C-alpha atoms as a PDB file:
ATOM      1  CA  UNK A   1       0.000   0.000   0.000  1.00  0.00           C
ATOM      2  CA  UNK A   2       0.933   3.614   0.091  1.00  0.00           C
ATOM      3  CA  UNK A   3       1.396   6.370  -2.425  1.00  0.00           C
ATOM      4  CA  UNK A   4       3.384   6.028  -5.619  1.00  0.00           C
ATOM      5  CA  UNK A   5       5.328   9.153  -4.686  1.00  0.00           C
ATOM      6  CA  UNK A   6       5.046   8.599  -0.938  1.00  0.00           C
ATOM      7  CA  UNK A   7       7.708   8.726   1.739  1.00  0.00           C
ATOM      8  CA  UNK A   8       8.526   5.033   1.313  1.00  0.00           C
ATOM      9  CA  UNK A   9       9.548   5.600  -2.309  1.00  0.00           C
ATOM     10  CA  UNK A  10      12.742   7.164  -3.673  1.00  0.00           C
ATOM     11  CA  UNK A  11      12.375  10.923  -4.180  1.00  0.00           C
ATOM     12  CA  UNK A  12      12.148  12.261  -7.703  1.00  0.00           C
ATOM     13  CA  UNK A  13      10.772  15.392  -9.333  1.00  0.00           C
ATOM     14  CA  UNK A  14      11.099  13.823 -12.799  1.00  0.00           C
ATOM     15  CA  UNK A  15       7.541  13.246 -14.059  1.00  0.00           C
ATOM     16  CA  UNK A  16       8.699  10.482 -16.431  1.00  0.00           C
ATOM     17  CA  UNK A  17      10.240   8.517 -13.561  1.00  0.00           C
ATOM     18  CA  UNK A  18       7.018   8.895 -11.565  1.00  0.00           C
ATOM     19  CA  UNK A  19       4.957   7.695 -14.562  1.00  0.00           C
ATOM     20  CA  UNK A  20       7.227   4.654 -15.016  1.00  0.00           C
ATOM     21  CA  UNK A  21       7.060   3.859 -11.287  1.00  0.00           C
ATOM     22  CA  UNK A  22       3.243   4.107 -11.364  1.00  0.00           C
ATOM     23  CA  UNK A  23       3.042   1.826 -14.397  1.00  0.00           C
ATOM     24  CA  UNK A  24       5.335  -0.750 -12.763  1.00  0.00           C
ATOM     25  CA  UNK A  25       3.368  -0.740  -9.500  1.00  0.00           C
ATOM     26  CA  UNK A  26      -0.001  -1.053 -11.247  1.00  0.00           C
ATOM     27  CA  UNK A  27       1.350  -3.852 -13.438  1.00  0.00           C
ATOM     28  CA  UNK A  28       2.700  -5.696 -10.401  1.00  0.00           C
ATOM     29  CA  UNK A  29      -0.604  -5.277  -8.586  1.00  0.00           C
ATOM     30  CA  UNK A  30      -2.599  -6.639 -11.535  1.00  0.00           C
ATOM     31  CA  UNK A  31      -0.502  -9.842 -11.530  1.00  0.00           C
ATOM     32  CA  UNK A  32      -1.036 -10.551  -7.818  1.00  0.00           C
ATOM     33  CA  UNK A  33      -3.498 -13.301  -6.982  1.00  0.00           C
ATOM     34  CA  UNK A  34      -4.237 -11.758  -3.572  1.00  0.00           C
ATOM     35  CA  UNK A  35      -4.740  -8.048  -4.013  1.00  0.00           C
ATOM     36  CA  UNK A  36      -6.385  -7.147  -0.707  1.00  0.00           C
ATOM     37  CA  UNK A  37      -5.546  -8.181   2.848  1.00  0.00           C
ATOM     38  CA  UNK A  38      -9.063  -9.383   3.671  1.00  0.00           C
ATOM     39  CA  UNK A  39      -8.740 -12.017   0.902  1.00  0.00           C
ATOM     40  CA  UNK A  40      -5.495 -13.406   2.334  1.00  0.00           C
ATOM     41  CA  UNK A  41      -6.175 -16.779   4.038  1.00  0.00           C
ATOM     42  CA  UNK A  42      -3.115 -16.435   6.306  1.00  0.00           C
ATOM     43  CA  UNK A  43      -4.305 -13.070   7.630  1.00  0.00           C
ATOM     44  CA  UNK A  44      -7.853 -14.390   7.912  1.00  0.00           C
ATOM     45  CA  UNK A  45      -6.568 -17.262  10.078  1.00  0.00           C
ATOM     46  CA  UNK A  46      -4.519 -14.838  12.200  1.00  0.00           C
ATOM     47  CA  UNK A  47      -7.608 -12.714  12.833  1.00  0.00           C
ATOM     48  CA  UNK A  48      -9.843 -15.700  13.568  1.00  0.00           C
ATOM     49  CA  UNK A  49      -7.501 -17.650  15.834  1.00  0.00           C
ATOM     50  CA  UNK A  50      -5.363 -15.093  17.637  1.00  0.00           C
ATOM     51  CA  UNK A  51      -6.751 -11.595  17.433  1.00  0.00           C
ATOM     52  CA  UNK A  52     -10.428 -12.452  17.832  1.00  0.00           C
ATOM     53  CA  UNK A  53     -12.267  -9.460  19.302  1.00  0.00           C
ATOM     54  CA  UNK A  54      -9.122  -7.454  20.137  1.00  0.00           C
ATOM     55  CA  UNK A  55      -7.888  -6.796  16.606  1.00  0.00           C
ATOM     56  CA  UNK A  56      -9.143  -3.225  16.540  1.00  0.00           C
ATOM     57  CA  UNK A  57      -7.218  -2.160  19.656  1.00  0.00           C
ATOM     58  CA  UNK A  58      -4.082  -4.073  18.615  1.00  0.00           C
ATOM     59  CA  UNK A  59      -3.827  -3.173  14.938  1.00  0.00           C
ATOM     60  CA  UNK A  60      -5.387   0.259  14.549  1.00  0.00           C
ATOM     61  CA  UNK A  61      -3.916   3.525  15.663  1.00  0.00           C
ATOM     62  CA  UNK A  62      -5.173   7.027  16.070  1.00  0.00           C
ATOM     63  CA  UNK A  63      -3.442  10.346  15.855  1.00  0.00           C
ATOM     64  CA  UNK A  64      -3.895  13.535  17.783  1.00  0.00           C
ATOM     65  CA  UNK A  65      -2.151  16.867  17.418  1.00  0.00           C
ATOM     66  CA  UNK A  66       0.953  17.468  19.489  1.00  0.00           C
ATOM     67  CA  UNK A  67       1.121  20.850  21.152  1.00  0.00           C
ATOM     68  CA  UNK A  68       4.649  21.968  21.884  1.00  0.00           C
ATOM     69  CA  UNK A  69       5.267  24.433  24.660  1.00  0.00           C
ATOM     70  CA  UNK A  70       7.222  27.542  23.745  1.00  0.00           C
ATOM     71  CA  UNK A  71      10.607  27.775  25.426  1.00  0.00           C
ATOM     72  CA  UNK A  72      11.482  30.921  27.332  1.00  0.00           C
ATOM     73  CA  UNK A  73      13.946  33.112  25.432  1.00  0.00           C
ATOM     74  CA  UNK A  74      17.491  33.187  26.754  1.00  0.00           C
ATOM     75  CA  UNK A  75      18.338  36.594  28.194  1.00  0.00           C
ATOM     76  CA  UNK A  76      21.843  38.027  28.371  1.00  0.00           C
ATOM     77  CA  UNK A  77      21.821  38.315  32.171  1.00  0.00           C
ATOM     78  CA  UNK A  78      20.908  34.636  32.632  1.00  0.00           C
ATOM     79  CA  UNK A  79      24.458  33.449  31.911  1.00  0.00           C
ATOM     80  CA  UNK A  80      26.455  32.087  34.812  1.00  0.00           C
ATOM     81  CA  UNK A  81      29.359  34.472  35.544  1.00  0.00           C
ATOM     82  CA  UNK A  82      30.718  32.417  38.440  1.00  0.00           C
ATOM     83  CA  UNK A  83      32.559  29.971  36.167  1.00  0.00           C
END
């Protein structure tokens, strides 16, 4: 999964390279027998036998904004002159 030009891919601003990468990824995807995780019998067995009702808490994540506190500016008279 992920984006064709996403963070997991090599960086390029060349539109031709991005078009070739997209074509290769779509071609690879079309050849796969299992194209989605819910069709994968191994994952289905993992869910059914081990994760049961707890899969949502174990496998899903949520994001919330991080608020950073501003640091106090350093003043000239705060330096230690006893050194």
